[in-house]
PDB file of N, CA and C in Angstrom:
ATOM      1  N   MET A   1       7.038  21.514   9.111  1.00  0.00           N
ATOM      2  CA  MET A   1       5.704  21.356   8.580  1.00  0.00           C
ATOM      3  C   MET A   1       5.611  20.017   7.853  1.00  0.00           C
ATOM      4  N   THR A   2       4.680  19.230   8.304  1.00  0.00           N
ATOM      5  CA  THR A   2       4.479  17.943   7.644  1.00  0.00           C
ATOM      6  C   THR A   2       3.318  18.041   6.680  1.00  0.00           C
ATOM      7  N   LYS A   3       3.453  17.339   5.645  1.00  0.00           N
ATOM      8  CA  LYS A   3       2.418  17.327   4.609  1.00  0.00           C
ATOM      9  C   LYS A   3       1.432  16.220   4.944  1.00  0.00           C
ATOM     10  N   SER A   4       0.191  16.574   5.183  1.00  0.00           N
ATOM     11  CA  SER A   4      -0.800  15.555   5.524  1.00  0.00           C
ATOM     12  C   SER A   4      -1.383  14.965   4.254  1.00  0.00           C
ATOM     13  N   LYS A   5      -1.564  13.683   4.291  1.00  0.00           N
ATOM     14  CA  LYS A   5      -2.150  12.992   3.148  1.00  0.00           C
ATOM     15  C   LYS A   5      -3.664  13.020   3.288  1.00  0.00           C
ATOM     16  N   THR A   6      -4.307  13.380   2.221  1.00  0.00           N
ATOM     17  CA  THR A   6      -5.763  13.322   2.217  1.00  0.00           C
ATOM     18  C   THR A   6      -6.175  12.063   1.481  1.00  0.00           C
ATOM     19  N   ARG A   7      -7.179  11.458   1.974  1.00  0.00           N
ATOM     20  CA  ARG A   7      -7.644  10.211   1.384  1.00  0.00           C
ATOM     21  C   ARG A   7      -8.414  10.517   0.103  1.00  0.00           C
ATOM     22  N   ARG A   8      -8.090   9.793  -0.931  1.00  0.00           N
ATOM     23  CA  ARG A   8      -8.731   9.977  -2.218  1.00  0.00           C
ATOM     24  C   ARG A   8     -10.088   9.278  -2.214  1.00  0.00           C
ATOM     25  N   GLU A   9     -11.047   9.884  -2.858  1.00  0.00           N
ATOM     26  CA  GLU A   9     -12.373   9.282  -2.951  1.00  0.00           C
ATOM     27  C   GLU A   9     -12.284   8.019  -3.811  1.00  0.00           C
ATOM     28  N   ARG A  10     -12.992   6.994  -3.393  1.00  0.00           N
ATOM     29  CA  ARG A  10     -12.959   5.715  -4.097  1.00  0.00           C
ATOM     30  C   ARG A  10     -13.527   5.884  -5.500  1.00  0.00           C
ATOM     31  N   ARG A  11     -12.784   5.381  -6.466  1.00  0.00           N
ATOM     32  CA  ARG A  11     -13.219   5.490  -7.859  1.00  0.00           C
ATOM     33  C   ARG A  11     -13.570   4.106  -8.395  1.00  0.00           C
ATOM     34  N   THR A  12     -14.408   4.067  -9.386  1.00  0.00           N
ATOM     35  CA  THR A  12     -14.738   2.813 -10.055  1.00  0.00           C
ATOM     36  C   THR A  12     -14.348   2.949 -11.527  1.00  0.00           C
ATOM     37  N   PHE A  13     -13.942   1.836 -12.102  1.00  0.00           N
ATOM     38  CA  PHE A  13     -13.504   1.830 -13.489  1.00  0.00           C
ATOM     39  C   PHE A  13     -14.273   0.762 -14.255  1.00  0.00           C
ATOM     40  N   SER A  14     -14.564   1.064 -15.494  1.00  0.00           N
ATOM     41  CA  SER A  14     -15.299   0.107 -16.320  1.00  0.00           C
ATOM     42  C   SER A  14     -14.374  -1.053 -16.696  1.00  0.00           C
ATOM     43  N   ASP A  15     -14.976  -2.168 -17.058  1.00  0.00           N
ATOM     44  CA  ASP A  15     -14.201  -3.329 -17.491  1.00  0.00           C
ATOM     45  C   ASP A  15     -13.371  -2.997 -18.729  1.00  0.00           C
ATOM     46  N   GLU A  16     -13.930  -2.162 -19.603  1.00  0.00           N
ATOM     47  CA  GLU A  16     -13.214  -1.774 -20.820  1.00  0.00           C
ATOM     48  C   GLU A  16     -11.944  -0.979 -20.464  1.00  0.00           C
ATOM     49  N   TYR A  17     -12.052  -0.076 -19.509  1.00  0.00           N
ATOM     50  CA  TYR A  17     -10.897   0.710 -19.072  1.00  0.00           C
ATOM     51  C   TYR A  17      -9.828  -0.214 -18.482  1.00  0.00           C
ATOM     52  N   LYS A  18     -10.263  -1.146 -17.644  1.00  0.00           N
ATOM     53  CA  LYS A  18      -9.322  -2.091 -17.036  1.00  0.00           C
ATOM     54  C   LYS A  18      -8.614  -2.906 -18.111  1.00  0.00           C
ATOM     55  N   GLN A  19      -9.351  -3.346 -19.132  1.00  0.00           N
ATOM     56  CA  GLN A  19      -8.748  -4.125 -20.212  1.00  0.00           C
ATOM     57  C   GLN A  19      -7.721  -3.284 -20.977  1.00  0.00           C
ATOM     58  N   ASN A  20      -8.016  -1.994 -21.172  1.00  0.00           N
ATOM     59  CA  ASN A  20      -7.064  -1.118 -21.840  1.00  0.00           C
ATOM     60  C   ASN A  20      -5.773  -0.985 -21.026  1.00  0.00           C
ATOM     61  N   VAL A  21      -5.911  -0.865 -19.720  1.00  0.00           N
ATOM     62  CA  VAL A  21      -4.736  -0.783 -18.850  1.00  0.00           C
ATOM     63  C   VAL A  21      -3.960  -2.095 -18.916  1.00  0.00           C
ATOM     64  N   LEU A  22      -4.657  -3.215 -18.881  1.00  0.00           N
ATOM     65  CA  LEU A  22      -3.995  -4.517 -18.961  1.00  0.00           C
ATOM     66  C   LEU A  22      -3.256  -4.699 -20.288  1.00  0.00           C
ATOM     67  N   GLU A  23      -3.811  -4.180 -21.364  1.00  0.00           N
ATOM     68  CA  GLU A  23      -3.136  -4.243 -22.660  1.00  0.00           C
ATOM     69  C   GLU A  23      -1.854  -3.436 -22.641  1.00  0.00           C
ATOM     70  N   MET A  24      -1.883  -2.277 -21.949  1.00  0.00           N
ATOM     71  CA  MET A  24      -0.665  -1.468 -21.814  1.00  0.00           C
ATOM     72  C   MET A  24       0.397  -2.240 -21.035  1.00  0.00           C
ATOM     73  N   VAL A  25      -0.047  -2.943 -19.996  1.00  0.00           N
ATOM     74  CA  VAL A  25       0.889  -3.730 -19.184  1.00  0.00           C
ATOM     75  C   VAL A  25       1.471  -4.860 -20.019  1.00  0.00           C
ATOM     76  N   ARG A  26       0.624  -5.553 -20.768  1.00  0.00           N
ATOM     77  CA  ARG A  26       1.077  -6.679 -21.591  1.00  0.00           C
ATOM     78  C   ARG A  26       2.060  -6.234 -22.667  1.00  0.00           C
ATOM     79  N   ALA A  27       1.860  -5.030 -23.189  1.00  0.00           N
ATOM     80  CA  ALA A  27       2.741  -4.534 -24.248  1.00  0.00           C
ATOM     81  C   ALA A  27       4.182  -4.475 -23.760  1.00  0.00           C
ATOM     82  N   GLY A  28       4.362  -4.183 -22.474  1.00  0.00           N
ATOM     83  CA  GLY A  28       5.701  -4.185 -21.906  1.00  0.00           C
ATOM     84  C   GLY A  28       6.544  -2.981 -22.256  1.00  0.00           C
ATOM     85  N   ASP A  29       5.951  -1.972 -22.914  1.00  0.00           N
ATOM     86  CA  ASP A  29       6.707  -0.774 -23.274  1.00  0.00           C
ATOM     87  C   ASP A  29       7.060   0.057 -22.048  1.00  0.00           C
ATOM     88  N   LYS A  30       6.205  -0.012 -21.041  1.00  0.00           N
ATOM     89  CA  LYS A  30       6.398   0.775 -19.821  1.00  0.00           C
ATOM     90  C   LYS A  30       6.217  -0.135 -18.619  1.00  0.00           C
ATOM     91  N   THR A  31       6.816   0.268 -17.515  1.00  0.00           N
ATOM     92  CA  THR A  31       6.637  -0.496 -16.287  1.00  0.00           C
ATOM     93  C   THR A  31       5.266  -0.184 -15.707  1.00  0.00           C
ATOM     94  N   ILE A  32       4.846  -1.023 -14.781  1.00  0.00           N
ATOM     95  CA  ILE A  32       3.560  -0.802 -14.129  1.00  0.00           C
ATOM     96  C   ILE A  32       3.582   0.531 -13.390  1.00  0.00           C
ATOM     97  N   SER A  33       4.703   0.854 -12.787  1.00  0.00           N
ATOM     98  CA  SER A  33       4.826   2.125 -12.065  1.00  0.00           C
ATOM     99  C   SER A  33       4.610   3.314 -12.997  1.00  0.00           C
ATOM    100  N   GLN A  34       5.211   3.258 -14.163  1.00  0.00           N
ATOM    101  CA  GLN A  34       5.053   4.345 -15.124  1.00  0.00           C
ATOM    102  C   GLN A  34       3.605   4.478 -15.581  1.00  0.00           C
ATOM    103  N   ILE A  35       2.977   3.347 -15.848  1.00  0.00           N
ATOM    104  CA  ILE A  35       1.579   3.360 -16.285  1.00  0.00           C
ATOM    105  C   ILE A  35       0.704   3.962 -15.191  1.00  0.00           C
ATOM    106  N   CYS A  36       0.937   3.560 -13.951  1.00  0.00           N
ATOM    107  CA  CYS A  36       0.138   4.070 -12.825  1.00  0.00           C
ATOM    108  C   CYS A  36       0.301   5.574 -12.677  1.00  0.00           C
ATOM    109  N   ARG A  37       1.541   6.068 -12.807  1.00  0.00           N
ATOM    110  CA  ARG A  37       1.770   7.505 -12.691  1.00  0.00           C
ATOM    111  C   ARG A  37       1.052   8.262 -13.799  1.00  0.00           C
ATOM    112  N   GLU A  38       1.156   7.758 -15.022  1.00  0.00           N
ATOM    113  CA  GLU A  38       0.542   8.437 -16.161  1.00  0.00           C
ATOM    114  C   GLU A  38      -0.979   8.488 -16.058  1.00  0.00           C
ATOM    115  N   LEU A  39      -1.568   7.403 -15.557  1.00  0.00           N
ATOM    116  CA  LEU A  39      -3.030   7.309 -15.513  1.00  0.00           C
ATOM    117  C   LEU A  39      -3.609   7.653 -14.145  1.00  0.00           C
ATOM    118  N   ASP A  40      -2.737   8.066 -13.203  1.00  0.00           N
ATOM    119  CA  ASP A  40      -3.148   8.406 -11.840  1.00  0.00           C
ATOM    120  C   ASP A  40      -3.903   7.242 -11.187  1.00  0.00           C
ATOM    121  N   LEU A  41      -3.277   6.076 -11.255  1.00  0.00           N
ATOM    122  CA  LEU A  41      -3.831   4.871 -10.644  1.00  0.00           C
ATOM    123  C   LEU A  41      -2.913   4.411  -9.528  1.00  0.00           C
ATOM    124  N   THR A  42      -3.444   3.603  -8.634  1.00  0.00           N
ATOM    125  CA  THR A  42      -2.594   3.010  -7.606  1.00  0.00           C
ATOM    126  C   THR A  42      -2.068   1.679  -8.120  1.00  0.00           C
ATOM    127  N   GLN A  43      -0.848   1.351  -7.703  1.00  0.00           N
ATOM    128  CA  GLN A  43      -0.266   0.086  -8.142  1.00  0.00           C
ATOM    129  C   GLN A  43      -1.067  -1.096  -7.619  1.00  0.00           C
ATOM    130  N   SER A  44      -1.615  -0.951  -6.426  1.00  0.00           N
ATOM    131  CA  SER A  44      -2.386  -2.069  -5.862  1.00  0.00           C
ATOM    132  C   SER A  44      -3.614  -2.365  -6.727  1.00  0.00           C
ATOM    133  N   SER A  45      -4.232  -1.332  -7.260  1.00  0.00           N
ATOM    134  CA  SER A  45      -5.395  -1.550  -8.138  1.00  0.00           C
ATOM    135  C   SER A  45      -4.988  -2.305  -9.399  1.00  0.00           C
ATOM    136  N   VAL A  46      -3.924  -1.833 -10.010  1.00  0.00           N
ATOM    137  CA  VAL A  46      -3.488  -2.459 -11.261  1.00  0.00           C
ATOM    138  C   VAL A  46      -3.042  -3.896 -11.007  1.00  0.00           C
ATOM    139  N   HIS A  47      -2.326  -4.119  -9.909  1.00  0.00           N
ATOM    140  CA  HIS A  47      -1.901  -5.490  -9.589  1.00  0.00           C
ATOM    141  C   HIS A  47      -3.110  -6.392  -9.332  1.00  0.00           C
ATOM    142  N   SER A  48      -4.139  -5.859  -8.713  1.00  0.00           N
ATOM    143  CA  SER A  48      -5.333  -6.687  -8.483  1.00  0.00           C
ATOM    144  C   SER A  48      -6.034  -6.987  -9.807  1.00  0.00           C
ATOM    145  N   TRP A  49      -6.021  -6.047 -10.745  1.00  0.00           N
ATOM    146  CA  TRP A  49      -6.598  -6.303 -12.068  1.00  0.00           C
ATOM    147  C   TRP A  49      -5.795  -7.373 -12.797  1.00  0.00           C
ATOM    148  N   ILE A  50      -4.486  -7.310 -12.668  1.00  0.00           N
ATOM    149  CA  ILE A  50      -3.626  -8.312 -13.304  1.00  0.00           C
ATOM    150  C   ILE A  50      -3.910  -9.684 -12.705  1.00  0.00           C
ATOM    151  N   LYS A  51      -4.004  -9.734 -11.380  1.00  0.00           N
ATOM    152  CA  LYS A  51      -4.268 -11.002 -10.702  1.00  0.00           C
ATOM    153  C   LYS A  51      -5.619 -11.574 -11.138  1.00  0.00           C
ATOM    154  N   ALA A  52      -6.632 -10.717 -11.190  1.00  0.00           N
ATOM    155  CA  ALA A  52      -7.962 -11.176 -11.603  1.00  0.00           C
ATOM    156  C   ALA A  52      -7.932 -11.677 -13.048  1.00  0.00           C
ATOM    157  N   ASP A  53      -7.204 -10.971 -13.906  1.00  0.00           N
ATOM    158  CA  ASP A  53      -7.096 -11.381 -15.305  1.00  0.00           C
ATOM    159  C   ASP A  53      -6.360 -12.709 -15.418  1.00  0.00           C
ATOM    160  N   LYS A  54      -5.318 -12.866 -14.621  1.00  0.00           N
ATOM    161  CA  LYS A  54      -4.544 -14.113 -14.645  1.00  0.00           C
ATOM    162  C   LYS A  54      -5.410 -15.280 -14.193  1.00  0.00           C
ATOM    163  N   GLU A  55      -6.214 -15.066 -13.153  1.00  0.00           N
ATOM    164  CA  GLU A  55      -7.095 -16.134 -12.673  1.00  0.00           C
ATOM    165  C   GLU A  55      -8.184 -16.454 -13.680  1.00  0.00           C
ATOM    166  N   HIS A  56      -8.682 -15.423 -14.338  1.00  0.00           N
ATOM    167  CA  HIS A  56      -9.768 -15.615 -15.303  1.00  0.00           C
ATOM    168  C   HIS A  56      -9.264 -16.231 -16.603  1.00  0.00           C
ATOM    169  N   ASN A  57      -8.146 -15.725 -17.113  1.00  0.00           N
ATOM    170  CA  ASN A  57      -7.645 -16.177 -18.408  1.00  0.00           C
ATOM    171  C   ASN A  57      -6.531 -17.207 -18.302  1.00  0.00           C
ATOM    172  N   GLY A  58      -5.990 -17.370 -17.129  1.00  0.00           N
ATOM    173  CA  GLY A  58      -4.917 -18.335 -16.948  1.00  0.00           C
ATOM    174  C   GLY A  58      -3.610 -17.932 -17.594  1.00  0.00           C
ATOM    175  N   THR A  59      -3.454 -16.659 -17.886  1.00  0.00           N
ATOM    176  CA  THR A  59      -2.221 -16.196 -18.496  1.00  0.00           C
ATOM    177  C   THR A  59      -1.499 -15.268 -17.543  1.00  0.00           C
ATOM    178  N   MET A  60      -0.216 -15.174 -17.739  1.00  0.00           N
ATOM    179  CA  MET A  60       0.583 -14.294 -16.903  1.00  0.00           C
ATOM    180  C   MET A  60       1.275 -13.290 -17.794  1.00  0.00           C
ATOM    181  N   THR A  61       1.128 -12.019 -17.498  1.00  0.00           N
ATOM    182  CA  THR A  61       1.816 -10.998 -18.270  1.00  0.00           C
ATOM    183  C   THR A  61       3.228 -10.868 -17.751  1.00  0.00           C
ATOM    184  N   GLN A  62       4.120 -10.426 -18.608  1.00  0.00           N
ATOM    185  CA  GLN A  62       5.519 -10.299 -18.207  1.00  0.00           C
ATOM    186  C   GLN A  62       5.675  -9.302 -17.076  1.00  0.00           C
ATOM    187  N   ASN A  63       4.931  -8.226 -17.115  1.00  0.00           N
ATOM    188  CA  ASN A  63       5.074  -7.187 -16.102  1.00  0.00           C
ATOM    189  C   ASN A  63       4.213  -7.421 -14.878  1.00  0.00           C
ATOM    190  N   SER A  64       3.631  -8.598 -14.750  1.00  0.00           N
ATOM    191  CA  SER A  64       2.822  -8.840 -13.564  1.00  0.00           C
ATOM    192  C   SER A  64       3.702  -9.080 -12.341  1.00  0.00           C
ATOM    193  N   LEU A  65       4.999  -9.256 -12.550  1.00  0.00           N
ATOM    194  CA  LEU A  65       5.912  -9.360 -11.427  1.00  0.00           C
ATOM    195  C   LEU A  65       6.143  -7.972 -10.850  1.00  0.00           C
ATOM    196  N   SER A  66       6.299  -7.916  -9.553  1.00  0.00           N
ATOM    197  CA  SER A  66       6.594  -6.618  -8.955  1.00  0.00           C
ATOM    198  C   SER A  66       7.999  -6.203  -9.367  1.00  0.00           C
ATOM    199  N   GLU A  67       8.316  -4.943  -9.160  1.00  0.00           N
ATOM    200  CA  GLU A  67       9.626  -4.448  -9.562  1.00  0.00           C
ATOM    201  C   GLU A  67      10.744  -5.170  -8.811  1.00  0.00           C
ATOM    202  N   THR A  68      10.526  -5.445  -7.527  1.00  0.00           N
ATOM    203  CA  THR A  68      11.562  -6.146  -6.766  1.00  0.00           C
ATOM    204  C   THR A  68      11.734  -7.569  -7.279  1.00  0.00           C
ATOM    205  N   ASP A  69      10.630  -8.208  -7.679  1.00  0.00           N
ATOM    206  CA  ASP A  69      10.722  -9.557  -8.246  1.00  0.00           C
ATOM    207  C   ASP A  69      11.441  -9.531  -9.588  1.00  0.00           C
ATOM    208  N   GLN A  70      11.183  -8.495 -10.387  1.00  0.00           N
ATOM    209  CA  GLN A  70      11.866  -8.378 -11.673  1.00  0.00           C
ATOM    210  C   GLN A  70      13.361  -8.161 -11.467  1.00  0.00           C
ATOM    211  N   GLN A  71      13.721  -7.338 -10.489  1.00  0.00           N
ATOM    212  CA  GLN A  71      15.133  -7.106 -10.197  1.00  0.00           C
ATOM    213  C   GLN A  71      15.792  -8.394  -9.716  1.00  0.00           C
ATOM    214  N   GLU A  72      15.094  -9.125  -8.871  1.00  0.00           N
ATOM    215  CA  GLU A  72      15.616 -10.401  -8.364  1.00  0.00           C
ATOM    216  C   GLU A  72      15.806 -11.384  -9.518  1.00  0.00           C
ATOM    217  N   LEU A  73      14.846 -11.439 -10.429  1.00  0.00           N
ATOM    218  CA  LEU A  73      14.942 -12.329 -11.584  1.00  0.00           C
ATOM    219  C   LEU A  73      16.141 -11.968 -12.444  1.00  0.00           C
ATOM    220  N   GLU A  74      16.339 -10.678 -12.696  1.00  0.00           N
ATOM    221  CA  GLU A  74      17.484 -10.242 -13.492  1.00  0.00           C
ATOM    222  C   GLU A  74      18.794 -10.594 -12.795  1.00  0.00           C
ATOM    223  N   ARG A  75      18.851 -10.395 -11.475  1.00  0.00           N
ATOM    224  CA  ARG A  75      20.056 -10.710 -10.715  1.00  0.00           C
ATOM    225  C   ARG A  75      20.352 -12.205 -10.782  1.00  0.00           C
ATOM    226  N   LEU A  76      19.308 -13.027 -10.624  1.00  0.00           N
ATOM    227  CA  LEU A  76      19.495 -14.475 -10.664  1.00  0.00           C
ATOM    228  C   LEU A  76      19.911 -14.959 -12.050  1.00  0.00           C
ATOM    229  N   ARG A  77      19.369 -14.342 -13.089  1.00  0.00           N
ATOM    230  CA  ARG A  77      19.765 -14.720 -14.449  1.00  0.00           C
ATOM    231  C   ARG A  77      21.236 -14.388 -14.691  1.00  0.00           C
ATOM    232  N   ALA A  78      21.661 -13.208 -14.216  1.00  0.00           N
ATOM    233  CA  ALA A  78      23.068 -12.825 -14.376  1.00  0.00           C
ATOM    234  C   ALA A  78      23.972 -13.778 -13.593  1.00  0.00           C
ATOM    235  N   GLU A  79      23.563 -14.123 -12.377  1.00  0.00           N
ATOM    236  CA  GLU A  79      24.341 -15.052 -11.566  1.00  0.00           C
ATOM    237  C   GLU A  79      24.412 -16.430 -12.221  1.00  0.00           C
ATOM    238  N   ASN A  80      23.300 -16.880 -12.775  1.00  0.00           N
ATOM    239  CA  ASN A  80      23.250 -18.174 -13.461  1.00  0.00           C
ATOM    240  C   ASN A  80      24.216 -18.188 -14.648  1.00  0.00           C
ATOM    241  N   LYS A  81      24.229 -17.106 -15.411  1.00  0.00           N
ATOM    242  CA  LYS A  81      25.123 -17.003 -16.561  1.00  0.00           C
ATOM    243  C   LYS A  81      26.579 -17.053 -16.102  1.00  0.00           C
ATOM    244  N   ARG A  82      26.902 -16.320 -15.032  1.00  0.00           N
ATOM    245  CA  ARG A  82      28.261 -16.302 -14.496  1.00  0.00           C
ATOM    246  C   ARG A  82      28.679 -17.699 -14.017  1.00  0.00           C
ATOM    247  N   LEU A  83      27.776 -18.376 -13.322  1.00  0.00           N
ATOM    248  CA  LEU A  83      28.093 -19.715 -12.810  1.00  0.00           C
ATOM    249  C   LEU A  83      28.301 -20.719 -13.940  1.00  0.00           C
ATOM    250  N   LYS A  84      27.514 -20.607 -14.999  1.00  0.00           N
ATOM    251  CA  LYS A  84      27.696 -21.502 -16.149  1.00  0.00           C
ATOM    252  C   LYS A  84      29.054 -21.275 -16.798  1.00  0.00           C
ATOM    253  N   THR A  85      29.442 -20.010 -16.906  1.00  0.00           N
ATOM    254  CA  THR A  85      30.746 -19.685 -17.478  1.00  0.00           C
ATOM    255  C   THR A  85      31.864 -20.252 -16.610  1.00  0.00           C
ATOM    256  N   GLU A  86      31.744 -20.068 -15.298  1.00  0.00           N
ATOM    257  CA  GLU A  86      32.751 -20.603 -14.382  1.00  0.00           C
ATOM    258  C   GLU A  86      32.841 -22.121 -14.480  1.00  0.00           C
ATOM    259  N   ARG A  87      31.705 -22.781 -14.611  1.00  0.00           N
ATOM    260  CA  ARG A  87      31.689 -24.242 -14.720  1.00  0.00           C
ATOM    261  C   ARG A  87      32.413 -24.695 -15.982  1.00  0.00           C
ATOM    262  N   GLU A  88      32.172 -23.994 -17.085  1.00  0.00           N
ATOM    263  CA  GLU A  88      32.843 -24.346 -18.342  1.00  0.00           C
ATOM    264  C   GLU A  88      34.347 -24.170 -18.214  1.00  0.00           C
ATOM    265  N   ILE A  89      34.785 -23.112 -17.560  1.00  0.00           N
ATOM    266  CA  ILE A  89      36.219 -22.885 -17.347  1.00  0.00           C
ATOM    267  C   ILE A  89      36.813 -24.019 -16.511  1.00  0.00           C
ATOM    268  N   LEU A  90      36.112 -24.397 -15.451  1.00  0.00           N
ATOM    269  CA  LEU A  90      36.596 -25.485 -14.597  1.00  0.00           C
ATOM    270  C   LEU A  90      36.654 -26.816 -15.340  1.00  0.00           C
ATOM    271  N   LYS A  91      35.677 -27.069 -16.216  1.00  0.00           N
ATOM    272  CA  LYS A  91      35.695 -28.293 -17.019  1.00  0.00           C
ATOM    273  C   LYS A  91      36.944 -28.337 -17.898  1.00  0.00           C
ATOM    274  N   LYS A  92      37.233 -27.200 -18.534  1.00  0.00           N
ATOM    275  CA  LYS A  92      38.389 -27.143 -19.424  1.00  0.00           C
ATOM    276  C   LYS A  92      39.688 -27.290 -18.637  1.00  0.00           C
ATOM    277  N   ALA A  93      39.738 -26.655 -17.467  1.00  0.00           N
ATOM    278  CA  ALA A  93      40.938 -26.757 -16.630  1.00  0.00           C
ATOM    279  C   ALA A  93      41.136 -28.195 -16.156  1.00  0.00           C
ATOM    280  N   THR A  94      40.069 -28.853 -15.762  1.00  0.00           N
ATOM    281  CA  THR A  94      40.140 -30.246 -15.316  1.00  0.00           C
ATOM    282  C   THR A  94      40.636 -31.131 -16.454  1.00  0.00           C
ATOM    283  N   ALA A  95      40.097 -30.929 -17.639  1.00  0.00           N
ATOM    284  CA  ALA A  95      40.515 -31.729 -18.794  1.00  0.00           C
ATOM    285  C   ALA A  95      41.989 -31.473 -19.107  1.00  0.00           C
ATOM    286  N   PHE A  96      42.419 -30.236 -19.024  1.00  0.00           N
ATOM    287  CA  PHE A  96      43.812 -29.887 -19.296  1.00  0.00           C
ATOM    288  C   PHE A  96      44.751 -30.572 -18.322  1.00  0.00           C
ATOM    289  N   PHE A  97      44.442 -30.482 -17.017  1.00  0.00           N
ATOM    290  CA  PHE A  97      45.307 -31.075 -16.008  1.00  0.00           C
ATOM    291  C   PHE A  97      45.263 -32.604 -16.050  1.00  0.00           C
ATOM    292  N   ALA A  98      44.111 -33.159 -16.355  1.00  0.00           N
ATOM    293  CA  ALA A  98      44.006 -34.609 -16.462  1.00  0.00           C
ATOM    294  C   ALA A  98      44.829 -35.120 -17.645  1.00  0.00           C
ATOM    295  N   LYS A  99      44.849 -34.367 -18.731  1.00  0.00           N
ATOM    296  CA  LYS A  99      45.607 -34.726 -19.925  1.00  0.00           C
ATOM    297  C   LYS A  99      47.101 -34.653 -19.650  1.00  0.00           C
ATOM    298  N   ASN A 100      47.539 -33.652 -18.916  1.00  0.00           N
ATOM    299  CA  ASN A 100      48.967 -33.469 -18.637  1.00  0.00           C
ATOM    300  C   ASN A 100      49.488 -34.380 -17.560  1.00  0.00           C
ATOM    301  N   SER A 101      48.630 -34.899 -16.714  1.00  0.00           N
ATOM    302  CA  SER A 101      49.104 -35.764 -15.629  1.00  0.00           C
ATOM    303  C   SER A 101      49.345 -37.194 -16.087  1.00  0.00           C
ATOM    304  N   LEU A 102      48.847 -37.552 -17.248  1.00  0.00           N
ATOM    305  CA  LEU A 102      49.049 -38.921 -17.743  1.00  0.00           C
ATOM    306  C   LEU A 102      50.347 -39.091 -18.368  1.00  0.00           C
TER     307      LEU A 102
END
């Protein structure tokens, strides 16, 4: 037995409601996914509100990145930190060997 999806009736939201949702996103206490689940919203709606707000106000909220982008950013930051550490070790090793070879 497959579960059929029924299409939800299109809803409209006031500008004030959208601003309240955007404030929740900006606060950063919860992910966009969590906010959407709690308020029974679609992520695409919230992302479009974020995009419209960014275009209108020229600001970017921290959580306006998708979850995969946030994971990628965290992975790249960790990799960057590791590479910097490795570079420092290599600098010290080079200095040590250069000092001993003279």
